[in-house]
Amino acid sequence: MKLLDVVNKLGLEEVVNATDDKTVEDVYIGDLLSIVMSKAKENDIWITIQTHANVIAVASLVGISAVIVVEGMKIDEETIVKAKDMDIPIYKTGKSAYEIACQINSFGI
């Protein structure tokens, strides 16, 4: 499924927009960066509460399609700048990781 279709269906708030319509193949939920690096896969959407700049480094390393920050967490300005520089889309929502994952699952992902 295309990233922008997922984003629109979820009604997410855009923090850093996608410069191209990336493909989403799966979802990874996690907050411990070392585990995300070893378990997430390229073209995953990553759902997390983490908001610091290292999130973008991990997302870039893995090849994450986009990061969704849940629970209404405030995203650090340094993270936003780094995401723009590295072309990693970030979206946010007040919903829980569970709610977002269930919705994404209903899309067949």
PDB file of N, CA and C in Angstrom:
ATOM      1  N   MET A   1       0.847  -1.171   0.000  1.00  0.00           N
ATOM      2  CA  MET A   1       0.000   0.000   0.000  1.00  0.00           C
ATOM      3  C   MET A   1       0.897   1.240   0.000  1.00  0.00           C
ATOM      4  N   LYS A   2       0.446   2.295  -0.573  1.00  0.00           N
ATOM      5  CA  LYS A   2       1.210   3.532  -0.625  1.00  0.00           C
ATOM      6  C   LYS A   2       1.076   4.304   0.702  1.00  0.00           C
ATOM      7  N   LEU A   3       2.175   4.925   1.093  1.00  0.00           N
ATOM      8  CA  LEU A   3       2.238   5.653   2.356  1.00  0.00           C
ATOM      9  C   LEU A   3       1.142   6.701   2.479  1.00  0.00           C
ATOM     10  N   LEU A   4       0.952   7.507   1.451  1.00  0.00           N
ATOM     11  CA  LEU A   4      -0.030   8.583   1.555  1.00  0.00           C
ATOM     12  C   LEU A   4      -1.452   8.061   1.698  1.00  0.00           C
ATOM     13  N   ASP A   5      -1.742   6.880   1.145  1.00  0.00           N
ATOM     14  CA  ASP A   5      -3.049   6.258   1.362  1.00  0.00           C
ATOM     15  C   ASP A   5      -3.222   5.888   2.830  1.00  0.00           C
ATOM     16  N   VAL A   6      -2.176   5.320   3.418  1.00  0.00           N
ATOM     17  CA  VAL A   6      -2.223   4.955   4.841  1.00  0.00           C
ATOM     18  C   VAL A   6      -2.427   6.202   5.698  1.00  0.00           C
ATOM     19  N   VAL A   7      -1.635   7.224   5.427  1.00  0.00           N
ATOM     20  CA  VAL A   7      -1.698   8.473   6.203  1.00  0.00           C
ATOM     21  C   VAL A   7      -3.091   9.087   6.121  1.00  0.00           C
ATOM     22  N   ASN A   8      -3.640   9.154   4.921  1.00  0.00           N
ATOM     23  CA  ASN A   8      -4.973   9.746   4.751  1.00  0.00           C
ATOM     24  C   ASN A   8      -6.048   8.934   5.456  1.00  0.00           C
ATOM     25  N   LYS A   9      -5.990   7.622   5.355  1.00  0.00           N
ATOM     26  CA  LYS A   9      -6.983   6.776   6.015  1.00  0.00           C
ATOM     27  C   LYS A   9      -6.915   6.892   7.534  1.00  0.00           C
ATOM     28  N   LEU A  10      -5.700   7.090   8.060  1.00  0.00           N
ATOM     29  CA  LEU A  10      -5.524   7.207   9.507  1.00  0.00           C
ATOM     30  C   LEU A  10      -5.827   8.611  10.009  1.00  0.00           C
ATOM     31  N   GLY A  11      -5.832   9.597   9.131  1.00  0.00           N
ATOM     32  CA  GLY A  11      -6.056  10.971   9.537  1.00  0.00           C
ATOM     33  C   GLY A  11      -4.928  11.522  10.408  1.00  0.00           C
ATOM     34  N   LEU A  12      -3.701  11.192  10.060  1.00  0.00           N
ATOM     35  CA  LEU A  12      -2.543  11.599  10.849  1.00  0.00           C
ATOM     36  C   LEU A  12      -2.184  13.055  10.597  1.00  0.00           C
ATOM     37  N   GLU A  13      -1.581  13.668  11.613  1.00  0.00           N
ATOM     38  CA  GLU A  13      -1.065  15.026  11.472  1.00  0.00           C
ATOM     39  C   GLU A  13       0.338  14.953  10.878  1.00  0.00           C
ATOM     40  N   GLU A  14       0.562  15.682   9.805  1.00  0.00           N
ATOM     41  CA  GLU A  14       1.856  15.688   9.146  1.00  0.00           C
ATOM     42  C   GLU A  14       2.823  16.595   9.904  1.00  0.00           C
ATOM     43  N   VAL A  15       3.987  16.065  10.214  1.00  0.00           N
ATOM     44  CA  VAL A  15       5.054  16.843  10.843  1.00  0.00           C
ATOM     45  C   VAL A  15       6.142  17.105   9.816  1.00  0.00           C
ATOM     46  N   VAL A  16       6.575  16.051   9.140  1.00  0.00           N
ATOM     47  CA  VAL A  16       7.517  16.146   8.021  1.00  0.00           C
ATOM     48  C   VAL A  16       6.898  15.366   6.873  1.00  0.00           C
ATOM     49  N   ASN A  17       6.630  16.065   5.773  1.00  0.00           N
ATOM     50  CA  ASN A  17       5.913  15.417   4.678  1.00  0.00           C
ATOM     51  C   ASN A  17       6.794  14.466   3.884  1.00  0.00           C
ATOM     52  N   ALA A  18       6.138  13.563   3.212  1.00  0.00           N
ATOM     53  CA  ALA A  18       6.817  12.612   2.328  1.00  0.00           C
ATOM     54  C   ALA A  18       7.070  13.305   0.995  1.00  0.00           C
ATOM     55  N   THR A  19       8.312  13.280   0.532  1.00  0.00           N
ATOM     56  CA  THR A  19       8.624  13.903  -0.753  1.00  0.00           C
ATOM     57  C   THR A  19       8.273  12.981  -1.918  1.00  0.00           C
ATOM     58  N   ASP A  20       8.089  11.698  -1.624  1.00  0.00           N
ATOM     59  CA  ASP A  20       7.586  10.767  -2.627  1.00  0.00           C
ATOM     60  C   ASP A  20       6.649   9.793  -1.916  1.00  0.00           C
ATOM     61  N   ASP A  21       5.815   9.134  -2.695  1.00  0.00           N
ATOM     62  CA  ASP A  21       4.818   8.233  -2.116  1.00  0.00           C
ATOM     63  C   ASP A  21       5.437   6.849  -1.932  1.00  0.00           C
ATOM     64  N   LYS A  22       6.044   6.660  -0.787  1.00  0.00           N
ATOM     65  CA  LYS A  22       6.743   5.409  -0.489  1.00  0.00           C
ATOM     66  C   LYS A  22       5.764   4.255  -0.326  1.00  0.00           C
ATOM     67  N   THR A  23       6.294   3.060  -0.441  1.00  0.00           N
ATOM     68  CA  THR A  23       5.500   1.855  -0.243  1.00  0.00           C
ATOM     69  C   THR A  23       5.582   1.430   1.216  1.00  0.00           C
ATOM     70  N   VAL A  24       4.449   0.966   1.742  1.00  0.00           N
ATOM     71  CA  VAL A  24       4.393   0.418   3.095  1.00  0.00           C
ATOM     72  C   VAL A  24       4.086  -1.064   2.970  1.00  0.00           C
ATOM     73  N   GLU A  25       4.974  -1.893   3.533  1.00  0.00           N
ATOM     74  CA  GLU A  25       4.789  -3.337   3.456  1.00  0.00           C
ATOM     75  C   GLU A  25       4.393  -3.948   4.790  1.00  0.00           C
ATOM     76  N   ASP A  26       4.774  -3.304   5.887  1.00  0.00           N
ATOM     77  CA  ASP A  26       4.507  -3.868   7.206  1.00  0.00           C
ATOM     78  C   ASP A  26       4.589  -2.758   8.243  1.00  0.00           C
ATOM     79  N   VAL A  27       4.387  -3.127   9.488  1.00  0.00           N
ATOM     80  CA  VAL A  27       4.416  -2.192  10.618  1.00  0.00           C
ATOM     81  C   VAL A  27       5.347  -2.744  11.675  1.00  0.00           C
ATOM     82  N   TYR A  28       6.100  -1.845  12.289  1.00  0.00           N
ATOM     83  CA  TYR A  28       6.899  -2.231  13.455  1.00  0.00           C
ATOM     84  C   TYR A  28       6.567  -1.274  14.586  1.00  0.00           C
ATOM     85  N   ILE A  29       6.287  -1.829  15.760  1.00  0.00           N
ATOM     86  CA  ILE A  29       6.010  -1.028  16.952  1.00  0.00           C
ATOM     87  C   ILE A  29       7.133  -1.278  17.937  1.00  0.00           C
ATOM     88  N   GLY A  30       7.792  -0.206  18.358  1.00  0.00           N
ATOM     89  CA  GLY A  30       8.857  -0.370  19.335  1.00  0.00           C
ATOM     90  C   GLY A  30       9.452   0.954  19.735  1.00  0.00           C
ATOM     91  N   ASP A  31      10.019   0.985  20.931  1.00  0.00           N
ATOM     92  CA  ASP A  31      10.584   2.214  21.468  1.00  0.00           C
ATOM     93  C   ASP A  31      12.057   2.082  21.838  1.00  0.00           C
ATOM     94  N   LEU A  32      12.563   0.875  21.866  1.00  0.00           N
ATOM     95  CA  LEU A  32      13.969   0.661  22.178  1.00  0.00           C
ATOM     96  C   LEU A  32      14.747   0.619  20.860  1.00  0.00           C
ATOM     97  N   LEU A  33      15.557   1.630  20.613  1.00  0.00           N
ATOM     98  CA  LEU A  33      16.170   1.817  19.300  1.00  0.00           C
ATOM     99  C   LEU A  33      17.005   0.629  18.849  1.00  0.00           C
ATOM    100  N   SER A  34      17.737   0.016  19.753  1.00  0.00           N
ATOM    101  CA  SER A  34      18.575  -1.122  19.360  1.00  0.00           C
ATOM    102  C   SER A  34      17.734  -2.301  18.878  1.00  0.00           C
ATOM    103  N   ILE A  35      16.587  -2.490  19.475  1.00  0.00           N
ATOM    104  CA  ILE A  35      15.685  -3.567  19.034  1.00  0.00           C
ATOM    105  C   ILE A  35      15.071  -3.213  17.681  1.00  0.00           C
ATOM    106  N   VAL A  36      14.685  -1.962  17.512  1.00  0.00           N
ATOM    107  CA  VAL A  36      14.129  -1.530  16.226  1.00  0.00           C
ATOM    108  C   VAL A  36      15.152  -1.760  15.117  1.00  0.00           C
ATOM    109  N   MET A  37      16.423  -1.426  15.381  1.00  0.00           N
ATOM    110  CA  MET A  37      17.471  -1.624  14.375  1.00  0.00           C
ATOM    111  C   MET A  37      17.600  -3.091  13.970  1.00  0.00           C
ATOM    112  N   SER A  38      17.396  -3.988  14.906  1.00  0.00           N
ATOM    113  CA  SER A  38      17.595  -5.405  14.597  1.00  0.00           C
ATOM    114  C   SER A  38      16.329  -6.111  14.107  1.00  0.00           C
ATOM    115  N   LYS A  39      15.154  -5.549  14.345  1.00  0.00           N
ATOM    116  CA  LYS A  39      13.909  -6.248  14.016  1.00  0.00           C
ATOM    117  C   LYS A  39      13.067  -5.600  12.924  1.00  0.00           C
ATOM    118  N   ALA A  40      13.082  -4.278  12.822  1.00  0.00           N
ATOM    119  CA  ALA A  40      12.272  -3.605  11.801  1.00  0.00           C
ATOM    120  C   ALA A  40      12.856  -3.890  10.428  1.00  0.00           C
ATOM    121  N   LYS A  41      12.002  -3.766   9.416  1.00  0.00           N
ATOM    122  CA  LYS A  41      12.424  -4.064   8.052  1.00  0.00           C
ATOM    123  C   LYS A  41      12.222  -2.851   7.146  1.00  0.00           C
ATOM    124  N   GLU A  42      12.939  -2.873   6.045  1.00  0.00           N
ATOM    125  CA  GLU A  42      12.771  -1.836   5.036  1.00  0.00           C
ATOM    126  C   GLU A  42      11.303  -1.776   4.611  1.00  0.00           C
ATOM    127  N   ASN A  43      10.802  -0.569   4.404  1.00  0.00           N
ATOM    128  CA  ASN A  43       9.421  -0.282   3.992  1.00  0.00           C
ATOM    129  C   ASN A  43       8.387  -0.488   5.090  1.00  0.00           C
ATOM    130  N   ASP A  44       8.839  -0.669   6.334  1.00  0.00           N
ATOM    131  CA  ASP A  44       7.907  -0.693   7.473  1.00  0.00           C
ATOM    132  C   ASP A  44       7.494   0.736   7.822  1.00  0.00           C
ATOM    133  N   ILE A  45       6.313   0.865   8.392  1.00  0.00           N
ATOM    134  CA  ILE A  45       5.965   2.073   9.139  1.00  0.00           C
ATOM    135  C   ILE A  45       6.354   1.765  10.577  1.00  0.00           C
ATOM    136  N   TRP A  46       7.031   2.703  11.199  1.00  0.00           N
ATOM    137  CA  TRP A  46       7.472   2.518  12.576  1.00  0.00           C
ATOM    138  C   TRP A  46       6.587   3.354  13.486  1.00  0.00           C
ATOM    139  N   ILE A  47       5.936   2.688  14.428  1.00  0.00           N
ATOM    140  CA  ILE A  47       5.084   3.346  15.415  1.00  0.00           C
ATOM    141  C   ILE A  47       5.849   3.402  16.732  1.00  0.00           C
ATOM    142  N   THR A  48       5.954   4.610  17.309  1.00  0.00           N
ATOM    143  CA  THR A  48       6.763   4.787  18.515  1.00  0.00           C
ATOM    144  C   THR A  48       6.294   5.985  19.341  1.00  0.00           C
ATOM    145  N   ILE A  49       6.759   6.035  20.577  1.00  0.00           N
ATOM    146  CA  ILE A  49       6.574   7.234  21.400  1.00  0.00           C
ATOM    147  C   ILE A  49       7.864   8.041  21.461  1.00  0.00           C
ATOM    148  N   GLN A  50       8.945   7.497  20.921  1.00  0.00           N
ATOM    149  CA  GLN A  50      10.236   8.181  20.951  1.00  0.00           C
ATOM    150  C   GLN A  50      10.222   9.372  19.992  1.00  0.00           C
ATOM    151  N   THR A  51      10.859  10.466  20.417  1.00  0.00           N
ATOM    152  CA  THR A  51      10.812  11.678  19.597  1.00  0.00           C
ATOM    153  C   THR A  51      12.170  12.346  19.400  1.00  0.00           C
ATOM    154  N   HIS A  52      13.232  11.767  19.901  1.00  0.00           N
ATOM    155  CA  HIS A  52      14.536  12.406  19.781  1.00  0.00           C
ATOM    156  C   HIS A  52      15.170  12.099  18.424  1.00  0.00           C
ATOM    157  N   ALA A  53      16.210  12.827  18.082  1.00  0.00           N
ATOM    158  CA  ALA A  53      16.811  12.767  16.748  1.00  0.00           C
ATOM    159  C   ALA A  53      17.351  11.389  16.378  1.00  0.00           C
ATOM    160  N   ASN A  54      17.718  10.582  17.352  1.00  0.00           N
ATOM    161  CA  ASN A  54      18.239   9.249  17.031  1.00  0.00           C
ATOM    162  C   ASN A  54      17.194   8.368  16.341  1.00  0.00           C
ATOM    163  N   VAL A  55      15.931   8.685  16.517  1.00  0.00           N
ATOM    164  CA  VAL A  55      14.865   7.958  15.822  1.00  0.00           C
ATOM    165  C   VAL A  55      15.076   8.062  14.313  1.00  0.00           C
ATOM    166  N   ILE A  56      15.441   9.232  13.850  1.00  0.00           N
ATOM    167  CA  ILE A  56      15.619   9.440  12.417  1.00  0.00           C
ATOM    168  C   ILE A  56      16.837   8.676  11.905  1.00  0.00           C
ATOM    169  N   ALA A  57      17.889   8.641  12.689  1.00  0.00           N
ATOM    170  CA  ALA A  57      19.073   7.871  12.297  1.00  0.00           C
ATOM    171  C   ALA A  57      18.727   6.392  12.136  1.00  0.00           C
ATOM    172  N   VAL A  58      17.966   5.855  13.080  1.00  0.00           N
ATOM    173  CA  VAL A  58      17.560   4.451  13.012  1.00  0.00           C
ATOM    174  C   VAL A  58      16.636   4.231  11.816  1.00  0.00           C
ATOM    175  N   ALA A  59      15.677   5.119  11.615  1.00  0.00           N
ATOM    176  CA  ALA A  59      14.744   4.988  10.490  1.00  0.00           C
ATOM    177  C   ALA A  59      15.488   4.985   9.160  1.00  0.00           C
ATOM    178  N   SER A  60      16.481   5.835   9.040  1.00  0.00           N
ATOM    179  CA  SER A  60      17.274   5.902   7.820  1.00  0.00           C
ATOM    180  C   SER A  60      18.096   4.629   7.627  1.00  0.00           C
ATOM    181  N   LEU A  61      18.705   4.163   8.680  1.00  0.00           N
ATOM    182  CA  LEU A  61      19.528   2.953   8.631  1.00  0.00           C
ATOM    183  C   LEU A  61      18.715   1.743   8.174  1.00  0.00           C
ATOM    184  N   VAL A  62      17.506   1.617   8.702  1.00  0.00           N
ATOM    185  CA  VAL A  62      16.653   0.464   8.403  1.00  0.00           C
ATOM    186  C   VAL A  62      15.948   0.607   7.052  1.00  0.00           C
ATOM    187  N   GLY A  63      15.649   1.834   6.652  1.00  0.00           N
ATOM    188  CA  GLY A  63      14.878   2.053   5.430  1.00  0.00           C
ATOM    189  C   GLY A  63      13.387   2.150   5.711  1.00  0.00           C
ATOM    190  N   ILE A  64      13.058   2.696   6.860  1.00  0.00           N
ATOM    191  CA  ILE A  64      11.666   2.867   7.283  1.00  0.00           C
ATOM    192  C   ILE A  64      10.947   3.811   6.313  1.00  0.00           C
ATOM    193  N   SER A  65       9.698   3.493   5.968  1.00  0.00           N
ATOM    194  CA  SER A  65       8.913   4.344   5.073  1.00  0.00           C
ATOM    195  C   SER A  65       8.466   5.626   5.755  1.00  0.00           C
ATOM    196  N   ALA A  66       8.110   5.534   7.045  1.00  0.00           N
ATOM    197  CA  ALA A  66       7.675   6.706   7.806  1.00  0.00           C
ATOM    198  C   ALA A  66       7.649   6.352   9.283  1.00  0.00           C
ATOM    199  N   VAL A  67       7.727   7.387  10.100  1.00  0.00           N
ATOM    200  CA  VAL A  67       7.613   7.239  11.544  1.00  0.00           C
ATOM    201  C   VAL A  67       6.284   7.848  11.969  1.00  0.00           C
ATOM    202  N   ILE A  68       5.527   7.100  12.781  1.00  0.00           N
ATOM    203  CA  ILE A  68       4.299   7.627  13.377  1.00  0.00           C
ATOM    204  C   ILE A  68       4.534   7.727  14.871  1.00  0.00           C
ATOM    205  N   VAL A  69       4.475   8.952  15.382  1.00  0.00           N
ATOM    206  CA  VAL A  69       4.630   9.200  16.816  1.00  0.00           C
ATOM    207  C   VAL A  69       3.232   9.235  17.424  1.00  0.00           C
ATOM    208  N   VAL A  70       3.019   8.389  18.406  1.00  0.00           N
ATOM    209  CA  VAL A  70       1.696   8.221  19.010  1.00  0.00           C
ATOM    210  C   VAL A  70       1.622   8.852  20.399  1.00  0.00           C
ATOM    211  N   GLU A  71       0.431   8.772  20.989  1.00  0.00           N
ATOM    212  CA  GLU A  71       0.169   9.248  22.349  1.00  0.00           C
ATOM    213  C   GLU A  71       0.331  10.763  22.483  1.00  0.00           C
ATOM    214  N   GLY A  72       0.313  11.486  21.360  1.00  0.00           N
ATOM    215  CA  GLY A  72       0.409  12.939  21.404  1.00  0.00           C
ATOM    216  C   GLY A  72       1.746  13.475  21.878  1.00  0.00           C
ATOM    217  N   MET A  73       2.789  12.664  21.755  1.00  0.00           N
ATOM    218  CA  MET A  73       4.116  13.078  22.212  1.00  0.00           C
ATOM    219  C   MET A  73       4.612  14.272  21.397  1.00  0.00           C
ATOM    220  N   LYS A  74       5.304  15.192  22.069  1.00  0.00           N
ATOM    221  CA  LYS A  74       5.872  16.366  21.411  1.00  0.00           C
ATOM    222  C   LYS A  74       7.191  15.962  20.746  1.00  0.00           C
ATOM    223  N   ILE A  75       7.330  16.307  19.478  1.00  0.00           N
ATOM    224  CA  ILE A  75       8.507  15.922  18.707  1.00  0.00           C
ATOM    225  C   ILE A  75       9.552  17.033  18.790  1.00  0.00           C
ATOM    226  N   ASP A  76      10.767  16.650  19.152  1.00  0.00           N
ATOM    227  CA  ASP A  76      11.863  17.600  19.286  1.00  0.00           C
ATOM    228  C   ASP A  76      12.125  18.313  17.958  1.00  0.00           C
ATOM    229  N   GLU A  77      12.442  19.601  18.016  1.00  0.00           N
ATOM    230  CA  GLU A  77      12.740  20.376  16.810  1.00  0.00           C
ATOM    231  C   GLU A  77      13.950  19.802  16.078  1.00  0.00           C
ATOM    232  N   GLU A  78      14.948  19.351  16.813  1.00  0.00           N
ATOM    233  CA  GLU A  78      16.132  18.741  16.198  1.00  0.00           C
ATOM    234  C   GLU A  78      15.741  17.507  15.376  1.00  0.00           C
ATOM    235  N   THR A  79      14.773  16.757  15.859  1.00  0.00           N
ATOM    236  CA  THR A  79      14.287  15.577  15.153  1.00  0.00           C
ATOM    237  C   THR A  79      13.619  15.968  13.841  1.00  0.00           C
ATOM    238  N   ILE A  80      12.835  17.008  13.882  1.00  0.00           N
ATOM    239  CA  ILE A  80      12.136  17.482  12.682  1.00  0.00           C
ATOM    240  C   ILE A  80      13.140  17.940  11.626  1.00  0.00           C
ATOM    241  N   VAL A  81      14.138  18.703  12.040  1.00  0.00           N
ATOM    242  CA  VAL A  81      15.166  19.174  11.109  1.00  0.00           C
ATOM    243  C   VAL A  81      15.913  17.994  10.496  1.00  0.00           C
ATOM    244  N   LYS A  82      16.295  17.042  11.325  1.00  0.00           N
ATOM    245  CA  LYS A  82      17.035  15.871  10.837  1.00  0.00           C
ATOM    246  C   LYS A  82      16.166  15.045   9.872  1.00  0.00           C
ATOM    247  N   ALA A  83      14.879  14.901  10.184  1.00  0.00           N
ATOM    248  CA  ALA A  83      13.968  14.148   9.307  1.00  0.00           C
ATOM    249  C   ALA A  83      13.855  14.810   7.938  1.00  0.00           C
ATOM    250  N   LYS A  84      13.770  16.133   7.926  1.00  0.00           N
ATOM    251  CA  LYS A  84      13.717  16.851   6.645  1.00  0.00           C
ATOM    252  C   LYS A  84      15.005  16.633   5.865  1.00  0.00           C
ATOM    253  N   ASP A  85      16.138  16.736   6.549  1.00  0.00           N
ATOM    254  CA  ASP A  85      17.435  16.549   5.895  1.00  0.00           C
ATOM    255  C   ASP A  85      17.604  15.148   5.326  1.00  0.00           C
ATOM    256  N   MET A  86      17.054  14.142   6.024  1.00  0.00           N
ATOM    257  CA  MET A  86      17.241  12.743   5.619  1.00  0.00           C
ATOM    258  C   MET A  86      16.038  12.187   4.867  1.00  0.00           C
ATOM    259  N   ASP A  87      15.044  13.039   4.607  1.00  0.00           N
ATOM    260  CA  ASP A  87      13.846  12.652   3.860  1.00  0.00           C
ATOM    261  C   ASP A  87      13.112  11.474   4.510  1.00  0.00           C
ATOM    262  N   ILE A  88      12.908  11.582   5.825  1.00  0.00           N
ATOM    263  CA  ILE A  88      12.135  10.584   6.567  1.00  0.00           C
ATOM    264  C   ILE A  88      10.825  11.249   7.002  1.00  0.00           C
ATOM    265  N   PRO A  89       9.693  10.822   6.472  1.00  0.00           N
ATOM    266  CA  PRO A  89       8.417  11.414   6.865  1.00  0.00           C
ATOM    267  C   PRO A  89       8.079  11.096   8.328  1.00  0.00           C
ATOM    268  N   ILE A  90       7.516  12.088   9.014  1.00  0.00           N
ATOM    269  CA  ILE A  90       7.046  11.903  10.386  1.00  0.00           C
ATOM    270  C   ILE A  90       5.592  12.362  10.456  1.00  0.00           C
ATOM    271  N   TYR A  91       4.787  11.560  11.115  1.00  0.00           N
ATOM    272  CA  TYR A  91       3.388  11.892  11.364  1.00  0.00           C
ATOM    273  C   TYR A  91       3.120  11.690  12.837  1.00  0.00           C
ATOM    274  N   LYS A  92       2.079  12.344  13.351  1.00  0.00           N
ATOM    275  CA  LYS A  92       1.767  12.150  14.760  1.00  0.00           C
ATOM    276  C   LYS A  92       0.266  12.044  14.964  1.00  0.00           C
ATOM    277  N   THR A  93      -0.072  11.475  16.131  1.00  0.00           N
ATOM    278  CA  THR A  93      -1.463  11.279  16.502  1.00  0.00           C
ATOM    279  C   THR A  93      -1.569  11.189  18.023  1.00  0.00           C
ATOM    280  N   GLY A  94      -2.738  11.476  18.529  1.00  0.00           N
ATOM    281  CA  GLY A  94      -3.002  11.308  19.949  1.00  0.00           C
ATOM    282  C   GLY A  94      -3.417   9.887  20.296  1.00  0.00           C
ATOM    283  N   LYS A  95      -3.639   9.071  19.276  1.00  0.00           N
ATOM    284  CA  LYS A  95      -4.062   7.690  19.502  1.00  0.00           C
ATOM    285  C   LYS A  95      -2.897   6.848  20.018  1.00  0.00           C
ATOM    286  N   SER A  96      -3.231   5.680  20.556  1.00  0.00           N
ATOM    287  CA  SER A  96      -2.208   4.760  21.058  1.00  0.00           C
ATOM    288  C   SER A  96      -1.604   3.953  19.903  1.00  0.00           C
ATOM    289  N   ALA A  97      -0.469   3.351  20.173  1.00  0.00           N
ATOM    290  CA  ALA A  97       0.170   2.481  19.184  1.00  0.00           C
ATOM    291  C   ALA A  97      -0.778   1.339  18.809  1.00  0.00           C
ATOM    292  N   TYR A  98      -1.461   0.800  19.791  1.00  0.00           N
ATOM    293  CA  TYR A  98      -2.398  -0.297  19.548  1.00  0.00           C
ATOM    294  C   TYR A  98      -3.517   0.137  18.600  1.00  0.00           C
ATOM    295  N   GLU A  99      -4.094   1.302  18.847  1.00  0.00           N
ATOM    296  CA  GLU A  99      -5.186   1.786  17.996  1.00  0.00           C
ATOM    297  C   GLU A  99      -4.716   1.965  16.548  1.00  0.00           C
ATOM    298  N   ILE A 100      -3.557   2.582  16.379  1.00  0.00           N
ATOM    299  CA  ILE A 100      -3.033   2.823  15.035  1.00  0.00           C
ATOM    300  C   ILE A 100      -2.697   1.499  14.348  1.00  0.00           C
ATOM    301  N   ALA A 101      -2.070   0.584  15.072  1.00  0.00           N
ATOM    302  CA  ALA A 101      -1.721  -0.711  14.483  1.00  0.00           C
ATOM    303  C   ALA A 101      -2.978  -1.476  14.064  1.00  0.00           C
ATOM    304  N   CYS A 102      -3.999  -1.438  14.876  1.00  0.00           N
ATOM    305  CA  CYS A 102      -5.256  -2.127  14.511  1.00  0.00           C
ATOM    306  C   CYS A 102      -5.868  -1.519  13.254  1.00  0.00           C
ATOM    307  N   GLN A 103      -5.841  -0.200  13.153  1.00  0.00           N
ATOM    308  CA  GLN A 103      -6.377   0.440  11.965  1.00  0.00           C
ATOM    309  C   GLN A 103      -5.567   0.049  10.727  1.00  0.00           C
ATOM    310  N   ILE A 104      -4.246   0.086  10.846  1.00  0.00           N
ATOM    311  CA  ILE A 104      -3.399  -0.291   9.715  1.00  0.00           C
ATOM    312  C   ILE A 104      -3.647  -1.743   9.314  1.00  0.00           C
ATOM    313  N   ASN A 105      -3.817  -2.589  10.293  1.00  0.00           N
ATOM    314  CA  ASN A 105      -4.106  -3.998  10.019  1.00  0.00           C
ATOM    315  C   ASN A 105      -5.407  -4.148   9.231  1.00  0.00           C
ATOM    316  N   SER A 106      -6.370  -3.312   9.543  1.00  0.00           N
ATOM    317  CA  SER A 106      -7.656  -3.377   8.815  1.00  0.00           C
ATOM    318  C   SER A 106      -7.516  -2.991   7.355  1.00  0.00           C
ATOM    319  N   PHE A 107      -6.397  -2.336   6.992  1.00  0.00           N
ATOM    320  CA  PHE A 107      -6.131  -1.991   5.592  1.00  0.00           C
ATOM    321  C   PHE A 107      -5.481  -3.153   4.846  1.00  0.00           C
ATOM    322  N   GLY A 108      -5.192  -4.237   5.551  1.00  0.00           N
ATOM    323  CA  GLY A 108      -4.572  -5.401   4.920  1.00  0.00           C
ATOM    324  C   GLY A 108      -3.053  -5.405   4.991  1.00  0.00           C
ATOM    325  N   ILE A 109      -2.507  -4.545   5.808  1.00  0.00           N
ATOM    326  CA  ILE A 109      -1.051  -4.500   5.970  1.00  0.00           C
ATOM    327  C   ILE A 109      -0.671  -5.305   7.193  1.00  0.00           C
TER     328      ILE A 109
END
